[in-house]
């Protein structure tokens, strides 16, 4: 089954969507968060050793109600996810 997930990119990951708009991505389910990150990198033509690809790998993926880890399956009911880069500060 294929679904379209709308990705909202924050921080340095906003460069994945240069116009600052949410980014639609087609994804074959079942898929894990790690699979989603690979699909994002492919869709954006990221080189594996680029700074943006490395940032994507370190980033969290979240919905309105939870943060997912790389091994979590993406629920078929989700239509929007946020890409949340690591941050520091107080």
C-alpha atoms as a PDB file:
ATOM      1  CA  UNK A   1       0.000   0.000   0.000  1.00  0.00           C
ATOM      2  CA  UNK A   2       1.302   3.446  -0.882  1.00  0.00           C
ATOM      3  CA  UNK A   3       0.433   6.525   1.131  1.00  0.00           C
ATOM      4  CA  UNK A   4       1.304  10.195   0.865  1.00  0.00           C
ATOM      5  CA  UNK A   5       2.742  11.776   3.989  1.00  0.00           C
ATOM      6  CA  UNK A   6       3.142  15.519   4.279  1.00  0.00           C
ATOM      7  CA  UNK A   7       6.453  16.416   5.919  1.00  0.00           C
ATOM      8  CA  UNK A   8       6.909  19.650   7.834  1.00  0.00           C
ATOM      9  CA  UNK A   9      10.605  20.516   8.082  1.00  0.00           C
ATOM     10  CA  UNK A  10      12.058  22.537  10.960  1.00  0.00           C
ATOM     11  CA  UNK A  11      15.442  24.141  11.628  1.00  0.00           C
ATOM     12  CA  UNK A  12      18.243  23.164   9.281  1.00  0.00           C
ATOM     13  CA  UNK A  13      15.987  20.569   7.669  1.00  0.00           C
ATOM     14  CA  UNK A  14      13.907  23.380   6.159  1.00  0.00           C
ATOM     15  CA  UNK A  15      16.503  23.282   3.356  1.00  0.00           C
ATOM     16  CA  UNK A  16      14.809  20.078   2.180  1.00  0.00           C
ATOM     17  CA  UNK A  17      11.830  22.196   1.158  1.00  0.00           C
ATOM     18  CA  UNK A  18      13.377  25.404  -0.220  1.00  0.00           C
ATOM     19  CA  UNK A  19      10.079  27.240  -0.514  1.00  0.00           C
ATOM     20  CA  UNK A  20       9.351  26.567   3.149  1.00  0.00           C
ATOM     21  CA  UNK A  21       6.212  24.655   2.276  1.00  0.00           C
ATOM     22  CA  UNK A  22       5.243  21.246   3.641  1.00  0.00           C
ATOM     23  CA  UNK A  23       6.707  18.514   1.454  1.00  0.00           C
ATOM     24  CA  UNK A  24       4.536  15.619   0.222  1.00  0.00           C
ATOM     25  CA  UNK A  25       6.264  12.238   0.044  1.00  0.00           C
ATOM     26  CA  UNK A  26       4.890   8.951  -1.259  1.00  0.00           C
ATOM     27  CA  UNK A  27       5.845   6.017   0.931  1.00  0.00           C
ATOM     28  CA  UNK A  28       5.207   2.291   0.571  1.00  0.00           C
ATOM     29  CA  UNK A  29       3.764   0.823   3.760  1.00  0.00           C
ATOM     30  CA  UNK A  30       4.623  -0.949   5.946  1.00  0.00           C
ATOM     31  CA  UNK A  31       7.665   1.236   6.543  1.00  0.00           C
ATOM     32  CA  UNK A  32       9.750   2.165   9.549  1.00  0.00           C
ATOM     33  CA  UNK A  33      10.977   5.627  10.443  1.00  0.00           C
ATOM     34  CA  UNK A  34      14.415   4.543   9.173  1.00  0.00           C
ATOM     35  CA  UNK A  35      12.777   3.643   5.825  1.00  0.00           C
ATOM     36  CA  UNK A  36      11.131   7.068   5.787  1.00  0.00           C
ATOM     37  CA  UNK A  37      14.485   8.792   6.287  1.00  0.00           C
ATOM     38  CA  UNK A  38      15.942   6.831   3.353  1.00  0.00           C
ATOM     39  CA  UNK A  39      12.946   7.794   1.198  1.00  0.00           C
ATOM     40  CA  UNK A  40      13.372  11.468   2.133  1.00  0.00           C
ATOM     41  CA  UNK A  41      17.073  11.378   1.268  1.00  0.00           C
ATOM     42  CA  UNK A  42      16.302   9.775  -2.110  1.00  0.00           C
ATOM     43  CA  UNK A  43      13.472  12.192  -2.898  1.00  0.00           C
ATOM     44  CA  UNK A  44      15.758  15.141  -2.135  1.00  0.00           C
ATOM     45  CA  UNK A  45      18.783  13.653  -3.966  1.00  0.00           C
ATOM     46  CA  UNK A  46      20.953  13.878  -0.841  1.00  0.00           C
ATOM     47  CA  UNK A  47      24.449  12.469  -1.042  1.00  0.00           C
ATOM     48  CA  UNK A  48      24.940  10.060   1.911  1.00  0.00           C
ATOM     49  CA  UNK A  49      27.927  11.967   3.294  1.00  0.00           C
ATOM     50  CA  UNK A  50      26.413  15.442   2.934  1.00  0.00           C
ATOM     51  CA  UNK A  51      25.801  17.560   6.025  1.00  0.00           C
ATOM     52  CA  UNK A  52      22.067  17.640   5.318  1.00  0.00           C
ATOM     53  CA  UNK A  53      21.876  13.825   5.009  1.00  0.00           C
ATOM     54  CA  UNK A  54      23.771  13.455   8.285  1.00  0.00           C
ATOM     55  CA  UNK A  55      21.427  15.948   9.956  1.00  0.00           C
ATOM     56  CA  UNK A  56      18.421  14.002   8.670  1.00  0.00           C
ATOM     57  CA  UNK A  57      19.803  10.765  10.152  1.00  0.00           C
ATOM     58  CA  UNK A  58      20.230  12.414  13.580  1.00  0.00           C
ATOM     59  CA  UNK A  59      16.787  14.035  13.532  1.00  0.00           C
ATOM     60  CA  UNK A  60      13.586  12.970  15.220  1.00  0.00           C
ATOM     61  CA  UNK A  61      10.336  12.305  13.409  1.00  0.00           C
ATOM     62  CA  UNK A  62       7.172  13.305  15.211  1.00  0.00           C
ATOM     63  CA  UNK A  63       3.414  13.503  14.869  1.00  0.00           C
ATOM     64  CA  UNK A  64       1.017  15.674  16.823  1.00  0.00           C
ATOM     65  CA  UNK A  65       1.035  13.153  19.652  1.00  0.00           C
ATOM     66  CA  UNK A  66       4.417  11.411  19.777  1.00  0.00           C
ATOM     67  CA  UNK A  67       8.032  11.146  18.705  1.00  0.00           C
ATOM     68  CA  UNK A  68       8.986   8.037  16.732  1.00  0.00           C
ATOM     69  CA  UNK A  69      12.288   6.159  16.802  1.00  0.00           C
ATOM     70  CA  UNK A  70      13.945   4.619  13.742  1.00  0.00           C
ATOM     71  CA  UNK A  71      12.563   1.125  14.397  1.00  0.00           C
ATOM     72  CA  UNK A  72       8.935   2.289  14.795  1.00  0.00           C
ATOM     73  CA  UNK A  73       6.475   1.450  12.043  1.00  0.00           C
ATOM     74  CA  UNK A  74       4.766   4.448  10.483  1.00  0.00           C
ATOM     75  CA  UNK A  75       1.026   4.149  11.200  1.00  0.00           C
ATOM     76  CA  UNK A  76      -1.043   4.038   8.002  1.00  0.00           C
ATOM     77  CA  UNK A  77      -3.412   6.586   9.542  1.00  0.00           C
ATOM     78  CA  UNK A  78      -0.771   9.350   9.659  1.00  0.00           C
ATOM     79  CA  UNK A  79      -0.943  12.054   7.024  1.00  0.00           C
ATOM     80  CA  UNK A  80       1.509  14.592   8.511  1.00  0.00           C
ATOM     81  CA  UNK A  81       4.888  14.210  10.194  1.00  0.00           C
ATOM     82  CA  UNK A  82       7.415  16.747  11.443  1.00  0.00           C
ATOM     83  CA  UNK A  83      11.167  16.500  10.877  1.00  0.00           C
ATOM     84  CA  UNK A  84      12.825  17.760  14.050  1.00  0.00           C
ATOM     85  CA  UNK A  85      16.584  18.333  14.003  1.00  0.00           C
ATOM     86  CA  UNK A  86      18.584  18.066  17.218  1.00  0.00           C
ATOM     87  CA  UNK A  87      18.865  21.333  19.104  1.00  0.00           C
ATOM     88  CA  UNK A  88      20.898  22.655  21.984  1.00  0.00           C
ATOM     89  CA  UNK A  89      20.478  25.466  24.398  1.00  0.00           C
ATOM     90  CA  UNK A  90      18.330  26.286  27.364  1.00  0.00           C
END
